Amino acid sequence: MLRVSRLTDYAAVVMTCIAAHPADVLSTAQIADETHLELPTVSKLLKSLGHAGLVESFRGVNGGYRLARPAGAITLAEIVEAMEGPIGMTECGVVAEGNCGREAQCGVRGSWQRISSVLDNALRAVTLADMLRPAPRRHEVTVDISTLKGRTMA
């Protein structure tokens, strides 16, 4: 199974929490309370997100954090990159040419690069503002078995 790390998942939760309060500066304790995450974890995440330029920090009595840009201008890709580095399915999908000793005889590098590009584009297409919207409900289909009696399935 392919998945982002737990810290990256939590970073998206923290960023969504902050984005839900665009006019406020939230303390680390407020964010931890609202997200139900441990305070040290939230502090660690905010430090990484701050280094990536995704949140701004303010000191003092009314200090805390807010988004560095509007939620619609921050992509999920930026959050993933802040926590995990360049987006790619494999190491060769993100490294520059000449950095792999097997590059000359590798027949799959181009395919992995295309796949990594699709993943990168998908993550860049989702903004933090999109993450605030509720997920669309799945359509549930119910079938009355009695209407199928006597029918053959092709």
N, C-alpha and C. Protein backbone atom coordinates (compact mmCIF):
# COMPACT_ATOMS: atom_id res chain seq x y z
N MET A 1 0.84 -1.18 0.00
CA MET A 1 0.00 0.00 0.00
C MET A 1 0.89 1.24 0.00
N LEU A 2 0.56 2.16 -0.84
CA LEU A 2 1.26 3.44 -0.87
C LEU A 2 0.55 4.41 0.06
N ARG A 3 1.31 5.10 0.86
CA ARG A 3 0.69 6.07 1.76
C ARG A 3 1.71 7.09 2.23
N VAL A 4 1.19 8.25 2.64
CA VAL A 4 2.05 9.26 3.24
C VAL A 4 2.28 8.88 4.70
N SER A 5 3.28 9.45 5.30
CA SER A 5 3.57 9.15 6.70
C SER A 5 2.49 9.72 7.60
N ARG A 6 2.45 9.22 8.81
CA ARG A 6 1.49 9.71 9.79
C ARG A 6 1.69 11.20 10.05
N LEU A 7 2.96 11.64 10.12
CA LEU A 7 3.21 13.07 10.36
C LEU A 7 2.72 13.93 9.20
N THR A 8 2.82 13.44 7.98
CA THR A 8 2.31 14.20 6.84
C THR A 8 0.79 14.29 6.90
N ASP A 9 0.15 13.20 7.27
CA ASP A 9 -1.30 13.20 7.45
C ASP A 9 -1.68 14.21 8.53
N TYR A 10 -0.97 14.20 9.65
CA TYR A 10 -1.25 15.14 10.73
C TYR A 10 -0.98 16.58 10.30
N ALA A 11 0.03 16.78 9.46
CA ALA A 11 0.33 18.13 8.97
C ALA A 11 -0.86 18.66 8.17
N ALA A 12 -1.48 17.82 7.37
CA ALA A 12 -2.67 18.24 6.62
C ALA A 12 -3.81 18.57 7.57
N VAL A 13 -3.94 17.81 8.65
CA VAL A 13 -4.98 18.08 9.65
C VAL A 13 -4.72 19.43 10.33
N VAL A 14 -3.49 19.67 10.71
CA VAL A 14 -3.11 20.93 11.36
C VAL A 14 -3.35 22.12 10.42
N MET A 15 -2.92 21.98 9.18
CA MET A 15 -3.11 23.06 8.21
C MET A 15 -4.59 23.33 7.96
N THR A 16 -5.39 22.29 7.91
CA THR A 16 -6.83 22.45 7.71
C THR A 16 -7.45 23.15 8.91
N CYS A 17 -6.99 22.81 10.09
CA CYS A 17 -7.47 23.47 11.31
C CYS A 17 -7.17 24.96 11.26
N ILE A 18 -5.96 25.31 10.92
CA ILE A 18 -5.58 26.72 10.85
C ILE A 18 -6.38 27.43 9.75
N ALA A 19 -6.55 26.75 8.62
CA ALA A 19 -7.29 27.34 7.49
C ALA A 19 -8.76 27.59 7.84
N ALA A 20 -9.29 26.82 8.76
CA ALA A 20 -10.69 27.00 9.17
C ALA A 20 -10.89 28.27 10.00
N HIS A 21 -9.79 28.90 10.41
CA HIS A 21 -9.83 30.14 11.20
C HIS A 21 -8.96 31.20 10.51
N PRO A 22 -9.35 31.63 9.32
CA PRO A 22 -8.46 32.50 8.53
C PRO A 22 -8.15 33.85 9.16
N ALA A 23 -9.03 34.36 10.02
CA ALA A 23 -8.81 35.67 10.61
C ALA A 23 -8.08 35.60 11.95
N ASP A 24 -7.80 34.39 12.42
CA ASP A 24 -7.25 34.22 13.77
C ASP A 24 -5.79 33.78 13.74
N VAL A 25 -5.10 34.09 14.82
CA VAL A 25 -3.79 33.54 15.11
C VAL A 25 -4.03 32.51 16.21
N LEU A 26 -3.74 31.25 15.91
CA LEU A 26 -4.03 30.17 16.85
C LEU A 26 -2.78 29.74 17.59
N SER A 27 -2.92 29.51 18.88
CA SER A 27 -1.80 29.01 19.66
C SER A 27 -1.61 27.52 19.39
N THR A 28 -0.44 27.04 19.71
CA THR A 28 -0.16 25.62 19.53
C THR A 28 -1.14 24.79 20.36
N ALA A 29 -1.44 25.26 21.56
CA ALA A 29 -2.38 24.54 22.43
C ALA A 29 -3.78 24.51 21.81
N GLN A 30 -4.22 25.62 21.21
CA GLN A 30 -5.53 25.63 20.56
C GLN A 30 -5.58 24.63 19.42
N ILE A 31 -4.53 24.61 18.63
CA ILE A 31 -4.49 23.69 17.49
C ILE A 31 -4.48 22.25 17.98
N ALA A 32 -3.68 21.96 19.01
CA ALA A 32 -3.62 20.61 19.56
C ALA A 32 -4.99 20.19 20.10
N ASP A 33 -5.66 21.10 20.78
CA ASP A 33 -6.97 20.80 21.34
C ASP A 33 -8.00 20.53 20.24
N GLU A 34 -8.01 21.38 19.23
CA GLU A 34 -9.01 21.24 18.15
C GLU A 34 -8.76 20.02 17.28
N THR A 35 -7.50 19.66 17.08
CA THR A 35 -7.17 18.51 16.22
C THR A 35 -7.07 17.20 16.99
N HIS A 36 -7.07 17.28 18.32
CA HIS A 36 -6.92 16.10 19.18
C HIS A 36 -5.56 15.42 18.96
N LEU A 37 -4.55 16.24 18.71
CA LEU A 37 -3.18 15.74 18.59
C LEU A 37 -2.38 16.18 19.80
N GLU A 38 -1.32 15.46 20.09
CA GLU A 38 -0.46 15.79 21.22
C GLU A 38 0.27 17.11 20.95
N LEU A 39 0.44 17.91 22.00
CA LEU A 39 1.10 19.21 21.88
C LEU A 39 2.51 19.11 21.29
N PRO A 40 3.36 18.18 21.72
CA PRO A 40 4.70 18.09 21.12
C PRO A 40 4.65 17.76 19.62
N THR A 41 3.69 16.95 19.22
CA THR A 41 3.54 16.62 17.80
C THR A 41 3.15 17.85 17.00
N VAL A 42 2.20 18.62 17.51
CA VAL A 42 1.77 19.84 16.83
C VAL A 42 2.93 20.82 16.73
N SER A 43 3.70 20.96 17.79
CA SER A 43 4.86 21.86 17.77
C SER A 43 5.86 21.45 16.70
N LYS A 44 6.14 20.15 16.61
CA LYS A 44 7.07 19.64 15.61
C LYS A 44 6.55 19.90 14.20
N LEU A 45 5.27 19.67 13.98
CA LEU A 45 4.67 19.91 12.67
C LEU A 45 4.73 21.38 12.29
N LEU A 46 4.39 22.25 13.22
CA LEU A 46 4.39 23.69 12.94
C LEU A 46 5.79 24.20 12.61
N LYS A 47 6.78 23.61 13.24
CA LYS A 47 8.17 24.00 12.94
C LYS A 47 8.49 23.66 11.48
N SER A 48 8.17 22.45 11.04
CA SER A 48 8.43 22.05 9.65
C SER A 48 7.61 22.88 8.67
N LEU A 49 6.36 23.12 9.00
CA LEU A 49 5.49 23.90 8.12
C LEU A 49 5.95 25.36 8.05
N GLY A 50 6.50 25.86 9.14
CA GLY A 50 7.04 27.22 9.16
C GLY A 50 8.29 27.33 8.30
N HIS A 51 9.18 26.33 8.40
CA HIS A 51 10.40 26.33 7.58
C HIS A 51 10.06 26.28 6.09
N ALA A 52 8.94 25.65 5.76
CA ALA A 52 8.52 25.54 4.36
C ALA A 52 7.77 26.79 3.89
N GLY A 53 7.55 27.75 4.81
CA GLY A 53 6.87 28.98 4.44
C GLY A 53 5.37 28.84 4.30
N LEU A 54 4.79 27.81 4.93
CA LEU A 54 3.35 27.60 4.83
C LEU A 54 2.57 28.25 5.96
N VAL A 55 3.23 28.44 7.11
CA VAL A 55 2.60 29.14 8.23
C VAL A 55 3.53 30.24 8.71
N GLU A 56 2.92 31.24 9.31
CA GLU A 56 3.67 32.32 9.95
C GLU A 56 3.50 32.18 11.45
N SER A 57 4.56 32.47 12.18
CA SER A 57 4.48 32.41 13.64
C SER A 57 4.60 33.81 14.21
N PHE A 58 3.92 34.00 15.33
CA PHE A 58 3.92 35.28 16.04
C PHE A 58 4.22 35.01 17.50
N ARG A 59 5.14 35.80 18.05
CA ARG A 59 5.53 35.65 19.46
C ARG A 59 4.68 36.54 20.34
N GLY A 60 4.76 36.27 21.62
CA GLY A 60 4.10 37.13 22.59
C GLY A 60 2.82 36.55 23.14
N VAL A 61 2.15 37.36 23.97
CA VAL A 61 0.94 36.93 24.67
C VAL A 61 -0.13 36.47 23.69
N ASN A 62 -0.31 37.18 22.61
CA ASN A 62 -1.31 36.81 21.62
C ASN A 62 -0.68 36.08 20.43
N GLY A 63 0.45 35.46 20.67
CA GLY A 63 1.18 34.79 19.60
C GLY A 63 0.54 33.48 19.18
N GLY A 64 1.06 32.95 18.12
CA GLY A 64 0.55 31.69 17.60
C GLY A 64 0.88 31.56 16.14
N TYR A 65 -0.01 30.91 15.41
CA TYR A 65 0.23 30.61 14.00
C TYR A 65 -0.98 30.95 13.15
N ARG A 66 -0.67 31.32 11.90
CA ARG A 66 -1.70 31.48 10.88
C ARG A 66 -1.07 31.09 9.54
N LEU A 67 -1.91 30.90 8.55
CA LEU A 67 -1.40 30.54 7.22
C LEU A 67 -0.57 31.67 6.65
N ALA A 68 0.47 31.34 5.94
CA ALA A 68 1.32 32.35 5.31
C ALA A 68 0.67 32.91 4.05
N ARG A 69 -0.23 32.13 3.45
CA ARG A 69 -0.97 32.54 2.25
C ARG A 69 -2.41 32.07 2.40
N PRO A 70 -3.31 32.57 1.58
CA PRO A 70 -4.69 32.08 1.64
C PRO A 70 -4.76 30.57 1.38
N ALA A 71 -5.77 29.93 1.97
CA ALA A 71 -5.92 28.48 1.84
C ALA A 71 -6.02 28.03 0.39
N GLY A 72 -6.59 28.85 -0.46
CA GLY A 72 -6.71 28.50 -1.87
C GLY A 72 -5.40 28.58 -2.63
N ALA A 73 -4.37 29.14 -2.01
CA ALA A 73 -3.07 29.28 -2.65
C ALA A 73 -2.04 28.28 -2.12
N ILE A 74 -2.47 27.39 -1.23
CA ILE A 74 -1.58 26.36 -0.67
C ILE A 74 -2.09 25.01 -1.14
N THR A 75 -1.20 24.24 -1.77
CA THR A 75 -1.62 22.94 -2.29
C THR A 75 -1.23 21.81 -1.35
N LEU A 76 -1.91 20.70 -1.53
CA LEU A 76 -1.58 19.52 -0.75
C LEU A 76 -0.15 19.07 -1.07
N ALA A 77 0.29 19.29 -2.28
CA ALA A 77 1.67 18.93 -2.65
C ALA A 77 2.67 19.69 -1.79
N GLU A 78 2.41 20.95 -1.52
CA GLU A 78 3.33 21.74 -0.70
C GLU A 78 3.42 21.19 0.73
N ILE A 79 2.30 20.72 1.25
CA ILE A 79 2.28 20.15 2.60
C ILE A 79 3.08 18.85 2.61
N VAL A 80 2.85 18.01 1.61
CA VAL A 80 3.59 16.74 1.51
C VAL A 80 5.08 17.01 1.37
N GLU A 81 5.46 17.96 0.51
CA GLU A 81 6.87 18.28 0.32
C GLU A 81 7.50 18.85 1.58
N ALA A 82 6.75 19.62 2.35
CA ALA A 82 7.28 20.18 3.60
C ALA A 82 7.65 19.08 4.58
N MET A 83 6.90 18.00 4.55
CA MET A 83 7.12 16.92 5.51
C MET A 83 8.02 15.81 4.97
N GLU A 84 7.96 15.53 3.66
CA GLU A 84 8.62 14.35 3.12
C GLU A 84 9.65 14.63 2.04
N GLY A 85 9.73 15.86 1.57
CA GLY A 85 10.65 16.16 0.49
C GLY A 85 9.97 16.01 -0.86
N PRO A 86 10.78 15.93 -1.92
CA PRO A 86 10.20 15.88 -3.27
C PRO A 86 9.24 14.71 -3.45
N ILE A 87 8.20 14.94 -4.23
CA ILE A 87 7.17 13.92 -4.46
C ILE A 87 7.63 12.99 -5.58
N GLY A 88 7.64 11.71 -5.31
CA GLY A 88 8.00 10.73 -6.32
C GLY A 88 7.73 9.33 -5.81
N MET A 89 7.37 8.46 -6.72
CA MET A 89 7.07 7.08 -6.36
C MET A 89 8.35 6.29 -6.06
N THR A 90 9.42 6.66 -6.74
CA THR A 90 10.71 6.01 -6.53
C THR A 90 11.78 7.09 -6.44
N GLU A 91 12.94 6.71 -5.98
CA GLU A 91 14.04 7.66 -5.90
C GLU A 91 14.40 8.19 -7.28
N CYS A 92 14.40 7.31 -8.28
CA CYS A 92 14.78 7.75 -9.62
C CYS A 92 13.70 8.61 -10.27
N GLY A 93 12.51 8.62 -9.69
CA GLY A 93 11.44 9.45 -10.23
C GLY A 93 11.62 10.92 -9.91
N VAL A 94 12.50 11.21 -8.94
CA VAL A 94 12.67 12.61 -8.53
C VAL A 94 14.10 13.12 -8.62
N VAL A 95 15.05 12.23 -8.73
CA VAL A 95 16.45 12.70 -8.77
C VAL A 95 16.81 13.17 -10.17
N ALA A 96 17.78 14.05 -10.23
CA ALA A 96 18.25 14.57 -11.51
C ALA A 96 19.04 13.50 -12.25
N GLU A 97 19.08 13.63 -13.55
CA GLU A 97 19.83 12.68 -14.36
C GLU A 97 21.28 12.67 -13.92
N GLY A 98 21.88 11.49 -14.00
CA GLY A 98 23.29 11.36 -13.64
C GLY A 98 23.51 11.01 -12.19
N ASN A 99 22.46 10.93 -11.37
CA ASN A 99 22.62 10.63 -9.95
C ASN A 99 22.38 9.16 -9.63
N CYS A 100 22.11 8.35 -10.64
CA CYS A 100 21.84 6.93 -10.41
C CYS A 100 22.84 6.10 -11.20
N GLY A 101 23.49 5.17 -10.55
CA GLY A 101 24.47 4.32 -11.21
C GLY A 101 23.86 3.33 -12.19
N ARG A 102 22.57 3.08 -12.10
CA ARG A 102 21.91 2.12 -12.98
C ARG A 102 21.15 2.81 -14.11
N GLU A 103 21.23 4.09 -14.17
CA GLU A 103 20.45 4.88 -15.12
C GLU A 103 20.62 4.44 -16.57
N ALA A 104 21.84 4.15 -17.00
CA ALA A 104 22.13 3.81 -18.39
C ALA A 104 21.44 2.52 -18.83
N GLN A 105 21.30 1.56 -17.92
CA GLN A 105 20.68 0.30 -18.29
C GLN A 105 19.27 0.12 -17.74
N CYS A 106 18.68 1.15 -17.18
CA CYS A 106 17.35 1.06 -16.58
C CYS A 106 16.27 1.26 -17.65
N GLY A 107 15.37 0.31 -17.73
CA GLY A 107 14.29 0.41 -18.71
C GLY A 107 12.99 0.96 -18.16
N VAL A 108 12.94 1.24 -16.85
CA VAL A 108 11.67 1.68 -16.26
C VAL A 108 11.71 3.10 -15.71
N ARG A 109 12.84 3.74 -15.74
CA ARG A 109 12.96 5.08 -15.15
C ARG A 109 11.94 6.07 -15.73
N GLY A 110 11.80 6.07 -17.04
CA GLY A 110 10.86 6.99 -17.69
C GLY A 110 9.43 6.74 -17.25
N SER A 111 9.07 5.48 -17.08
CA SER A 111 7.72 5.15 -16.62
C SER A 111 7.49 5.65 -15.20
N TRP A 112 8.46 5.42 -14.34
CA TRP A 112 8.33 5.91 -12.96
C TRP A 112 8.25 7.43 -12.92
N GLN A 113 9.00 8.09 -13.79
CA GLN A 113 8.94 9.55 -13.82
C GLN A 113 7.55 10.03 -14.26
N ARG A 114 6.94 9.36 -15.25
CA ARG A 114 5.59 9.72 -15.67
C ARG A 114 4.59 9.51 -14.54
N ILE A 115 4.70 8.39 -13.84
CA ILE A 115 3.80 8.10 -12.73
C ILE A 115 3.98 9.13 -11.62
N SER A 116 5.22 9.46 -11.31
CA SER A 116 5.48 10.48 -10.28
C SER A 116 4.90 11.83 -10.69
N SER A 117 4.97 12.15 -11.96
CA SER A 117 4.42 13.40 -12.47
C SER A 117 2.90 13.45 -12.30
N VAL A 118 2.24 12.33 -12.58
CA VAL A 118 0.78 12.26 -12.41
C VAL A 118 0.42 12.46 -10.94
N LEU A 119 1.15 11.82 -10.04
CA LEU A 119 0.91 11.98 -8.61
C LEU A 119 1.13 13.42 -8.18
N ASP A 120 2.23 14.00 -8.63
CA ASP A 120 2.55 15.39 -8.30
C ASP A 120 1.44 16.33 -8.78
N ASN A 121 0.99 16.15 -10.01
CA ASN A 121 -0.07 17.00 -10.56
C ASN A 121 -1.37 16.84 -9.78
N ALA A 122 -1.69 15.63 -9.37
CA ALA A 122 -2.91 15.39 -8.60
C ALA A 122 -2.85 16.11 -7.26
N LEU A 123 -1.71 16.05 -6.58
CA LEU A 123 -1.57 16.72 -5.29
C LEU A 123 -1.56 18.24 -5.44
N ARG A 124 -1.03 18.73 -6.55
CA ARG A 124 -1.03 20.18 -6.80
C ARG A 124 -2.41 20.70 -7.18
N ALA A 125 -3.29 19.82 -7.61
CA ALA A 125 -4.64 20.21 -8.01
C ALA A 125 -5.58 20.37 -6.81
N VAL A 126 -5.14 19.92 -5.63
CA VAL A 126 -5.96 20.01 -4.42
C VAL A 126 -5.38 21.08 -3.51
N THR A 127 -6.20 22.09 -3.20
CA THR A 127 -5.75 23.16 -2.31
C THR A 127 -6.23 22.90 -0.89
N LEU A 128 -5.67 23.66 0.02
CA LEU A 128 -6.11 23.59 1.41
C LEU A 128 -7.57 24.00 1.52
N ALA A 129 -8.00 24.95 0.71
CA ALA A 129 -9.41 25.35 0.69
C ALA A 129 -10.29 24.17 0.28
N ASP A 130 -9.82 23.37 -0.67
CA ASP A 130 -10.57 22.17 -1.07
C ASP A 130 -10.69 21.20 0.10
N MET A 131 -9.64 21.10 0.90
CA MET A 131 -9.65 20.17 2.03
C MET A 131 -10.66 20.58 3.10
N LEU A 132 -11.03 21.84 3.12
CA LEU A 132 -12.01 22.32 4.10
C LEU A 132 -13.44 21.91 3.73
N ARG A 133 -13.66 21.66 2.44
CA ARG A 133 -15.00 21.29 1.98
C ARG A 133 -15.27 19.84 2.34
N PRO A 134 -16.52 19.55 2.74
CA PRO A 134 -16.84 18.14 3.04
C PRO A 134 -16.73 17.28 1.79
N ALA A 135 -16.33 16.05 1.98
CA ALA A 135 -16.21 15.12 0.85
C ALA A 135 -17.60 14.85 0.29
N PRO A 136 -17.68 14.72 -1.03
CA PRO A 136 -18.99 14.42 -1.61
C PRO A 136 -19.47 13.05 -1.15
N ARG A 137 -20.77 12.94 -0.97
CA ARG A 137 -21.33 11.67 -0.53
C ARG A 137 -21.32 10.69 -1.69
N ARG A 138 -21.01 9.48 -1.38
CA ARG A 138 -21.05 8.43 -2.39
C ARG A 138 -22.51 8.06 -2.64
N HIS A 139 -22.82 7.80 -3.88
CA HIS A 139 -24.16 7.35 -4.20
C HIS A 139 -24.30 5.89 -3.81
N GLU A 140 -25.32 5.63 -3.00
CA GLU A 140 -25.58 4.25 -2.65
C GLU A 140 -26.66 3.72 -3.57
N VAL A 141 -26.42 2.55 -4.08
CA VAL A 141 -27.38 1.93 -4.99
C VAL A 141 -27.96 0.71 -4.28
N THR A 142 -29.27 0.67 -4.19
CA THR A 142 -29.92 -0.50 -3.63
C THR A 142 -30.65 -1.22 -4.75
N VAL A 143 -30.60 -2.50 -4.71
CA VAL A 143 -31.23 -3.30 -5.74
C VAL A 143 -32.23 -4.23 -5.08
N ASP A 144 -33.43 -4.23 -5.62
CA ASP A 144 -34.47 -5.14 -5.14
C ASP A 144 -34.24 -6.47 -5.84
N ILE A 145 -33.80 -7.46 -5.09
CA ILE A 145 -33.47 -8.76 -5.65
C ILE A 145 -34.66 -9.37 -6.39
N SER A 146 -35.87 -9.12 -5.92
CA SER A 146 -37.03 -9.74 -6.57
C SER A 146 -37.20 -9.28 -8.02
N THR A 147 -36.67 -8.10 -8.36
CA THR A 147 -36.78 -7.62 -9.75
C THR A 147 -35.78 -8.32 -10.65
N LEU A 148 -34.80 -9.00 -10.07
CA LEU A 148 -33.79 -9.67 -10.87
C LEU A 148 -34.12 -11.13 -11.15
N LYS A 149 -35.10 -11.67 -10.45
CA LYS A 149 -35.44 -13.10 -10.64
C LYS A 149 -35.84 -13.34 -12.09
N GLY A 150 -35.32 -14.38 -12.65
CA GLY A 150 -35.65 -14.75 -14.01
C GLY A 150 -34.78 -14.06 -15.05
N ARG A 151 -33.96 -13.10 -14.64
CA ARG A 151 -33.07 -12.41 -15.58
C ARG A 151 -31.72 -13.12 -15.58
N THR A 152 -31.10 -13.12 -16.71
CA THR A 152 -29.74 -13.67 -16.79
C THR A 152 -28.77 -12.51 -16.82
N MET A 153 -27.65 -12.72 -16.22
CA MET A 153 -26.61 -11.69 -16.17
C MET A 153 -25.61 -11.95 -17.29
N ALA A 154 -25.32 -10.92 -18.07
CA ALA A 154 -24.38 -11.09 -19.18
C ALA A 154 -23.00 -10.69 -18.73
